[in-house]
């Protein structure tokens, strides 16, 4: 069946500096796919990663065969490394979150144990097949130990959380409007109208400010998503052209070399590259679907913002009408107060006049009473 991918993830790839053996050198400008492959014919596990950013054809930035003496070390929450003695280098991977690093480390330990068991089984088979007859002698050859490329201690992670996860999201804060100074109202009946209209207007203004902040965020995300969609469409077209070219190349190799071992290995490599490209295409399509959903949600927020703005305008118009009515009521109240004061003054003058008349009538009564007594 050849090699088949059994686990894939995305990470930033680094290699140890071959001169200093202390610094990390990035081998990819962005996060790329890193996959575990299993070769059923040779019963080996490999870590492979391809990057086509530097040229049209994908290039292998990692091609490491897992052996029982390898060790994957976590140097931080999002960075891990392992040494490959065959390639005489140390590989480092920077992940976007701690969960991806833990999953990769678990798979590494699992496949390392499987490689150890496979090696023990192959050694047992070799010992059985090469066992000497009874009475014979066994020759033992001593092989020199291979030099390890790993340093004495794990290197510091070259990635920070900001470089792996990306820049922090922009935060927009909308200031709520301050209430205007309340003026003294001469009428108690006019207070509930102005208070209710002003509270509704303030509430809607606060909601509109919050929606404006959300709209600014969604607009920025939509612009960024549109630019990413264009770039991904170009990459998809390039991947499709590369897949067609590789299919043609496979057909040519099959016609030329027939059933030779070299042709079969080349075909296996090309098929593996095509499968990886198809997986990348599927991932890009999923991302496009997510972006479409985000655009639809942004449109819904825009419609809600427009409806709230319309409601706010209606409330402002009603508030203006209520203010006009309030002014008219104030003018009428002042006129009534003036009329009442004039009425009070007229009553006072009438009372004074009545008091004078009453005093005159009492004097007249007293005079009449004296006249009656005298007569």
Protein backbone atom coordinates (compact mmCIF):
# COMPACT_ATOMS: atom_id res chain seq x y z
CA UNK A 1 0.00 0.00 0.00
CA UNK A 2 3.01 2.39 0.47
CA UNK A 3 3.08 5.29 2.90
CA UNK A 4 -0.17 6.68 4.23
CA UNK A 5 -0.74 9.79 6.42
CA UNK A 6 -2.06 8.82 9.86
CA UNK A 7 -2.00 12.19 11.69
CA UNK A 8 -1.62 15.83 10.56
CA UNK A 9 -1.35 19.20 12.25
CA UNK A 10 -0.07 22.71 11.48
CA UNK A 11 3.00 24.36 13.03
CA UNK A 12 5.91 26.75 12.43
CA UNK A 13 9.08 24.77 11.58
CA UNK A 14 12.62 25.57 12.80
CA UNK A 15 16.02 23.87 12.50
CA UNK A 16 19.13 24.24 14.63
CA UNK A 17 21.88 26.48 13.26
CA UNK A 18 24.51 24.03 11.93
CA UNK A 19 27.39 26.39 12.79
CA UNK A 20 26.54 27.56 16.31
CA UNK A 21 24.27 24.66 17.39
CA UNK A 22 22.53 27.21 19.66
CA UNK A 23 20.20 29.36 17.56
CA UNK A 24 17.03 28.40 15.70
CA UNK A 25 16.64 29.07 11.96
CA UNK A 26 13.05 29.26 10.60
CA UNK A 27 12.45 27.02 7.59
CA UNK A 28 8.90 28.25 6.87
CA UNK A 29 7.50 31.78 6.80
CA UNK A 30 4.10 30.63 8.03
CA UNK A 31 2.48 27.61 9.64
CA UNK A 32 2.60 24.51 7.39
CA UNK A 33 1.18 21.00 7.58
CA UNK A 34 3.26 18.46 9.54
CA UNK A 35 2.15 14.82 9.13
CA UNK A 36 3.01 11.39 10.49
CA UNK A 37 3.35 8.73 7.75
CA UNK A 38 3.49 4.94 8.08
CA UNK A 39 5.28 2.82 5.49
CA UNK A 40 3.67 -0.62 5.67
CA UNK A 41 6.27 -2.20 3.36
CA UNK A 42 9.24 -1.24 5.55
CA UNK A 43 7.24 -0.97 8.79
CA UNK A 44 8.65 2.49 9.66
CA UNK A 45 7.15 5.80 10.80
CA UNK A 46 8.22 9.15 9.37
CA UNK A 47 7.51 12.86 10.07
CA UNK A 48 7.14 14.75 6.77
CA UNK A 49 6.30 18.37 6.00
CA UNK A 50 6.17 20.07 2.58
CA UNK A 51 6.39 23.81 1.90
CA UNK A 52 5.81 25.27 -1.58
CA UNK A 53 6.18 28.95 -0.68
CA UNK A 54 9.72 29.31 -2.07
CA UNK A 55 9.08 27.57 -5.40
CA UNK A 56 6.26 26.17 -7.48
CA UNK A 57 7.05 22.59 -6.45
CA UNK A 58 6.57 21.59 -2.78
CA UNK A 59 9.85 20.96 -0.99
CA UNK A 60 10.33 18.68 2.00
CA UNK A 61 11.39 20.80 4.99
CA UNK A 62 11.06 17.80 7.35
CA UNK A 63 11.81 14.18 6.41
CA UNK A 64 12.63 12.44 9.68
CA UNK A 65 12.35 8.72 10.36
CA UNK A 66 11.25 7.94 13.93
CA UNK A 67 13.68 5.65 15.77
CA UNK A 68 13.46 4.15 19.30
CA UNK A 69 16.29 6.37 20.60
CA UNK A 70 14.56 9.65 19.64
CA UNK A 71 12.98 11.88 22.28
CA UNK A 72 10.47 14.70 21.78
CA UNK A 73 11.02 17.45 24.37
CA UNK A 74 8.57 20.23 25.29
CA UNK A 75 10.61 23.39 25.89
CA UNK A 76 7.58 25.67 26.45
CA UNK A 77 3.80 25.56 26.39
CA UNK A 78 3.72 25.82 22.58
CA UNK A 79 7.14 24.64 21.40
CA UNK A 80 8.79 21.23 21.16
CA UNK A 81 11.91 19.72 19.58
CA UNK A 82 13.60 16.45 18.71
CA UNK A 83 17.03 15.43 17.35
CA UNK A 84 17.51 13.40 14.15
CA UNK A 85 20.94 11.76 14.08
CA UNK A 86 20.52 10.61 10.48
CA UNK A 87 19.89 14.15 9.23
CA UNK A 88 22.44 15.51 11.75
CA UNK A 89 20.07 18.28 12.87
CA UNK A 90 17.49 19.24 15.50
CA UNK A 91 13.93 20.08 14.45
CA UNK A 92 11.68 22.50 16.36
CA UNK A 93 7.92 23.01 16.03
CA UNK A 94 5.91 26.01 17.25
CA UNK A 95 2.18 25.37 17.67
CA UNK A 96 -0.77 27.76 17.99
CA UNK A 97 -1.95 26.28 21.29
CA UNK A 98 -0.81 23.89 24.01
CA UNK A 99 -3.37 21.24 23.02
CA UNK A 100 -1.86 20.78 19.56
CA UNK A 101 1.61 20.40 21.10
CA UNK A 102 0.36 17.78 23.59
CA UNK A 103 -1.40 15.81 20.83
CA UNK A 104 1.75 15.84 18.67
CA UNK A 105 3.88 14.69 21.63
CA UNK A 106 1.44 11.84 22.39
CA UNK A 107 1.57 10.64 18.78
CA UNK A 108 5.38 10.88 18.83
CA UNK A 109 5.59 8.67 21.92
CA UNK A 110 3.05 6.23 20.46
CA UNK A 111 4.86 5.86 17.12
CA UNK A 112 8.26 5.69 18.86
CA UNK A 113 7.03 2.71 20.90
CA UNK A 114 5.65 1.11 17.72
CA UNK A 115 9.02 1.63 16.01
CA UNK A 116 10.79 -0.01 18.98
CA UNK A 117 8.50 -3.05 18.84
CA UNK A 118 8.97 -3.32 15.08
CA UNK A 119 12.74 -3.15 15.50
CA UNK A 120 12.71 -5.89 18.15
CA UNK A 121 10.60 -8.13 15.91
CA UNK A 122 12.95 -7.60 12.97
CA UNK A 123 15.98 -8.39 15.15
CA UNK A 124 14.32 -11.61 16.34
CA UNK A 125 13.66 -12.61 12.74
CA UNK A 126 17.29 -11.88 11.79
CA UNK A 127 18.58 -13.89 14.74
CA UNK A 128 16.36 -16.84 13.80
CA UNK A 129 17.38 -16.79 10.16
CA UNK A 130 21.09 -16.26 10.88
CA UNK A 131 21.34 -18.79 13.78
CA UNK A 132 24.46 -21.04 13.26
CA UNK A 133 24.24 -24.81 13.31
CA UNK A 134 25.02 -26.75 16.47
CA UNK A 135 28.72 -26.69 17.32
CA UNK A 136 29.40 -23.65 15.12
CA UNK A 137 30.77 -20.32 16.21
CA UNK A 138 28.99 -16.98 16.14
CA UNK A 139 30.74 -13.86 14.93
CA UNK A 140 29.83 -10.58 16.52
CA UNK A 141 30.61 -7.29 14.84
CA UNK A 142 30.89 -4.11 16.89
CA UNK A 143 29.42 -1.06 15.17
CA UNK A 144 30.48 2.48 16.16
CA UNK A 145 27.81 4.49 17.90
CA UNK A 146 26.32 7.25 15.82
CA UNK A 147 26.78 10.78 17.00
CA UNK A 148 23.73 12.53 18.32
CA UNK A 149 22.90 15.95 16.96
CA UNK A 150 20.88 17.01 19.97
CA UNK A 151 22.48 19.54 22.34
CA UNK A 152 23.13 18.79 25.99
CA UNK A 153 20.00 20.66 27.07
CA UNK A 154 16.80 21.75 25.27
CA UNK A 155 17.06 25.06 23.46
CA UNK A 156 14.87 27.98 24.36
CA UNK A 157 11.72 28.33 22.28
CA UNK A 158 12.15 30.95 19.52
CA UNK A 159 8.41 31.68 19.44
CA UNK A 160 6.36 33.90 21.68
CA UNK A 161 2.58 33.60 22.12
CA UNK A 162 2.12 36.73 20.00
CA UNK A 163 4.15 35.37 17.05
CA UNK A 164 2.31 32.02 17.00
CA UNK A 165 -1.23 33.08 17.73
CA UNK A 166 -1.07 36.36 15.83
CA UNK A 167 -1.54 39.92 17.03
CA UNK A 168 -4.19 40.61 19.60
CA UNK A 169 -7.60 41.60 18.36
CA UNK A 170 -8.31 45.33 18.25
CA UNK A 171 -10.70 46.50 20.96
CA UNK A 172 -13.10 49.40 20.42
CA UNK A 173 -14.79 51.12 23.40
CA UNK A 174 -17.85 53.29 22.84
CA UNK A 175 -18.35 56.15 25.35
CA UNK A 176 -21.90 56.51 26.65
CA UNK A 177 -23.31 60.07 26.31
CA UNK A 178 -23.53 62.16 29.49
CA UNK A 179 -27.04 63.28 30.54
CA UNK A 180 -27.82 66.96 30.08
CA UNK A 181 -28.52 69.20 33.05
CA UNK A 182 -32.16 69.00 34.05
CA UNK A 183 -34.01 72.28 34.18
CA UNK A 184 -36.62 73.19 36.75
CA UNK A 185 -40.14 72.46 35.63
CA UNK A 186 -43.00 74.57 36.97
CA UNK A 187 -45.56 71.87 36.23
CA UNK A 188 -45.49 68.42 37.89
CA UNK A 189 -47.59 66.90 35.11
CA UNK A 190 -44.96 67.64 32.44
CA UNK A 191 -42.09 65.82 34.26
CA UNK A 192 -42.97 62.17 33.34
CA UNK A 193 -43.04 62.95 29.61
CA UNK A 194 -39.58 64.53 29.48
CA UNK A 195 -38.03 61.92 31.83
CA UNK A 196 -39.33 58.91 29.88
CA UNK A 197 -38.36 60.32 26.49
CA UNK A 198 -34.84 61.26 27.65
CA UNK A 199 -34.25 57.81 29.26
CA UNK A 200 -35.40 56.02 26.08
CA UNK A 201 -33.17 58.25 23.97
CA UNK A 202 -30.13 57.62 26.20
CA UNK A 203 -30.71 53.86 26.16
CA UNK A 204 -30.97 53.76 22.38
CA UNK A 205 -27.90 55.99 22.01
CA UNK A 206 -25.88 53.58 24.19
CA UNK A 207 -27.08 50.60 22.11
CA UNK A 208 -26.23 52.46 18.90
CA UNK A 209 -22.73 53.26 20.16
CA UNK A 210 -22.13 49.59 21.05
CA UNK A 211 -23.40 48.50 17.64
CA UNK A 212 -21.12 51.03 15.97
CA UNK A 213 -18.13 49.49 17.78
CA UNK A 214 -19.18 45.98 16.75
CA UNK A 215 -19.76 47.18 13.20
CA UNK A 216 -16.22 48.60 13.05
CA UNK A 217 -14.79 45.28 14.24
CA UNK A 218 -16.86 43.28 11.74
CA UNK A 219 -15.94 45.66 8.90
CA UNK A 220 -12.22 45.20 9.61
CA UNK A 221 -12.64 41.42 9.83
CA UNK A 222 -14.64 41.43 6.59
CA UNK A 223 -11.95 43.38 4.73
CA UNK A 224 -9.25 41.06 6.02
CA UNK A 225 -11.33 37.99 5.13
CA UNK A 226 -11.93 39.31 1.60
CA UNK A 227 -8.19 39.76 1.06
CA UNK A 228 -7.52 36.26 2.42
CA UNK A 229 -10.22 34.78 0.16
CA UNK A 230 -8.58 36.28 -2.93
CA UNK A 231 -5.19 34.94 -1.89
CA UNK A 232 -6.61 31.50 -1.13
CA UNK A 233 -8.38 31.37 -4.48
CA UNK A 234 -5.06 32.01 -6.20
CA UNK A 235 -3.43 29.29 -4.11
CA UNK A 236 -6.28 26.89 -4.91
CA UNK A 237 -5.85 27.53 -8.64
CA UNK A 238 -2.09 26.95 -8.32
CA UNK A 239 -2.69 23.72 -6.36
CA UNK A 240 -5.14 22.48 -8.99
CA UNK A 241 -2.68 23.20 -11.81
CA UNK A 242 0.07 21.45 -9.84
CA UNK A 243 -2.19 18.43 -9.22
CA UNK A 244 -2.99 18.14 -12.93
CA UNK A 245 0.68 18.40 -13.81
CA UNK A 246 1.56 15.71 -11.26
CA UNK A 247 -1.17 13.42 -12.64
CA UNK A 248 0.29 13.83 -16.12
CA UNK A 249 3.75 13.15 -14.72
CA UNK A 250 2.53 9.95 -13.06
CA UNK A 251 0.97 8.79 -16.33
CA UNK A 252 4.21 9.49 -18.22
CA UNK A 253 6.29 7.63 -15.64
CA UNK A 254 3.96 4.63 -15.77
CA UNK A 255 4.18 4.52 -19.57
CA UNK A 256 7.98 4.90 -19.67
CA UNK A 257 9.18 2.71 -16.83
CA UNK A 258 6.37 0.16 -16.62
CA UNK A 259 6.48 -1.82 -13.40
CA UNK A 260 10.03 -0.97 -12.31
CA UNK A 261 10.86 -0.25 -8.69
CA UNK A 262 11.93 3.32 -9.38
CA UNK A 263 8.66 4.09 -11.15
CA UNK A 264 6.63 2.63 -8.29
CA UNK A 265 8.50 4.69 -5.70
CA UNK A 266 8.08 7.86 -7.77
CA UNK A 267 4.40 7.11 -8.23
CA UNK A 268 3.99 6.60 -4.47
CA UNK A 269 5.70 9.93 -3.74
CA UNK A 270 3.59 11.76 -6.29
CA UNK A 271 0.37 10.18 -5.03
CA UNK A 272 1.27 11.21 -1.50
CA UNK A 273 1.90 14.79 -2.69
CA UNK A 274 -1.46 14.82 -4.51
CA UNK A 275 -3.26 13.58 -1.38
CA UNK A 276 -1.65 16.32 0.70
CA UNK A 277 -2.71 18.93 -1.87
CA UNK A 278 -6.26 17.59 -1.87
CA UNK A 279 -6.31 17.78 1.94
CA UNK A 280 -5.03 21.38 1.74
CA UNK A 281 -7.75 22.22 -0.81
CA UNK A 282 -10.41 20.78 1.47
CA UNK A 283 -9.10 22.83 4.41
CA UNK A 284 -9.20 26.00 2.30
CA UNK A 285 -12.78 25.25 1.25
CA UNK A 286 -13.78 24.84 4.91
CA UNK A 287 -12.15 28.19 5.72
CA UNK A 288 -14.07 29.81 2.84
CA UNK A 289 -17.34 28.47 4.25
CA UNK A 290 -16.49 29.93 7.66
CA UNK A 291 -15.71 33.29 6.08
CA UNK A 292 -19.04 33.26 4.23
CA UNK A 293 -20.85 32.64 7.53
CA UNK A 294 -18.97 35.57 9.10
CA UNK A 295 -19.97 37.84 6.19
CA UNK A 296 -23.64 36.86 6.63
CA UNK A 297 -23.48 37.63 10.36
CA UNK A 298 -21.88 41.01 9.55
CA UNK A 299 -24.76 41.78 7.18
CA UNK A 300 -27.27 40.91 9.90
CA UNK A 301 -25.54 43.24 12.36
CA UNK A 302 -25.58 45.99 9.73
CA UNK A 303 -29.36 45.61 9.24
CA UNK A 304 -29.90 45.69 13.02
CA UNK A 305 -27.80 48.84 13.25
CA UNK A 306 -29.88 50.52 10.51
CA UNK A 307 -33.15 49.62 12.24
CA UNK A 308 -31.92 50.97 15.59
CA UNK A 309 -30.74 54.18 13.91
CA UNK A 310 -34.22 54.59 12.39
CA UNK A 311 -35.84 54.02 15.81
CA UNK A 312 -33.50 56.57 17.36
CA UNK A 313 -34.53 59.17 14.77
CA UNK A 314 -38.19 58.46 15.51
CA UNK A 315 -37.57 58.89 19.25
CA UNK A 316 -35.72 62.16 18.62
CA UNK A 317 -38.64 63.49 16.57
CA UNK A 318 -41.09 62.50 19.30
CA UNK A 319 -38.83 64.14 21.88
CA UNK A 320 -38.81 67.37 19.88
CA UNK A 321 -42.62 67.28 19.64
CA UNK A 322 -42.90 66.72 23.39
CA UNK A 323 -40.56 69.63 24.04
CA UNK A 324 -42.75 71.86 21.87
CA UNK A 325 -45.83 70.71 23.79
CA UNK A 326 -44.01 71.31 27.07
CA UNK A 327 -43.17 74.90 26.05
CA UNK A 328 -46.78 75.53 25.09
CA UNK A 329 -47.94 74.18 28.47
CA UNK A 330 -45.44 76.42 30.25
CA UNK A 331 -46.72 79.48 28.39
CA UNK A 332 -50.34 78.58 29.20
CA UNK A 333 -49.44 78.00 32.86
CA UNK A 334 -47.75 81.39 33.09
CA UNK A 335 -50.80 83.06 31.52
CA UNK A 336 -53.08 81.29 34.02
CA UNK A 337 -50.87 82.38 36.90
CA UNK A 338 -51.02 85.99 35.74
CA UNK A 339 -54.82 85.83 35.37
CA UNK A 340 -55.09 84.31 38.86
CA UNK A 341 -52.99 87.09 40.35
CA UNK A 342 -55.19 89.75 38.69
CA UNK A 343 -58.29 87.97 40.04
CA UNK A 344 -56.83 87.96 43.55
CA UNK A 345 -56.11 91.67 43.36
CA UNK A 346 -59.68 92.39 42.24
CA UNK A 347 -61.00 90.26 45.11
CA UNK A 348 -58.88 92.22 47.62
CA UNK A 349 -60.18 95.55 46.29
CA UNK A 350 -63.78 94.24 46.44
CA UNK A 351 -63.27 93.06 50.03
CA UNK A 352 -61.93 96.46 51.01
CA UNK A 353 -64.95 98.12 49.39
CA UNK A 354 -67.33 95.74 51.23
CA UNK A 355 -65.58 96.46 54.51
CA UNK A 356 -66.14 100.21 53.95
CA UNK A 357 -69.78 99.69 53.10
CA UNK A 358 -70.33 97.46 56.13
CA UNK A 359 -68.77 100.05 58.42
CA UNK A 360 -71.02 102.75 56.95
CA UNK A 361 -74.10 100.52 57.40
CA UNK A 362 -73.18 99.87 61.02
CA UNK A 363 -72.81 103.61 61.68
CA UNK A 364 -76.20 104.21 59.99
CA UNK A 365 -77.77 101.50 62.17
CA UNK A 366 -76.35 103.05 65.31
CA UNK A 367 -77.70 106.46 64.27
CA UNK A 368 -81.17 105.05 63.59
CA UNK A 369 -81.16 103.23 66.89
CA UNK A 370 -80.34 106.50 68.74
CA UNK A 371 -83.11 108.30 66.89
CA UNK A 372 -85.60 105.64 67.95
CA UNK A 373 -84.52 105.94 71.58
CA UNK A 374 -84.83 109.69 71.52
CA UNK A 375 -88.27 109.63 70.08
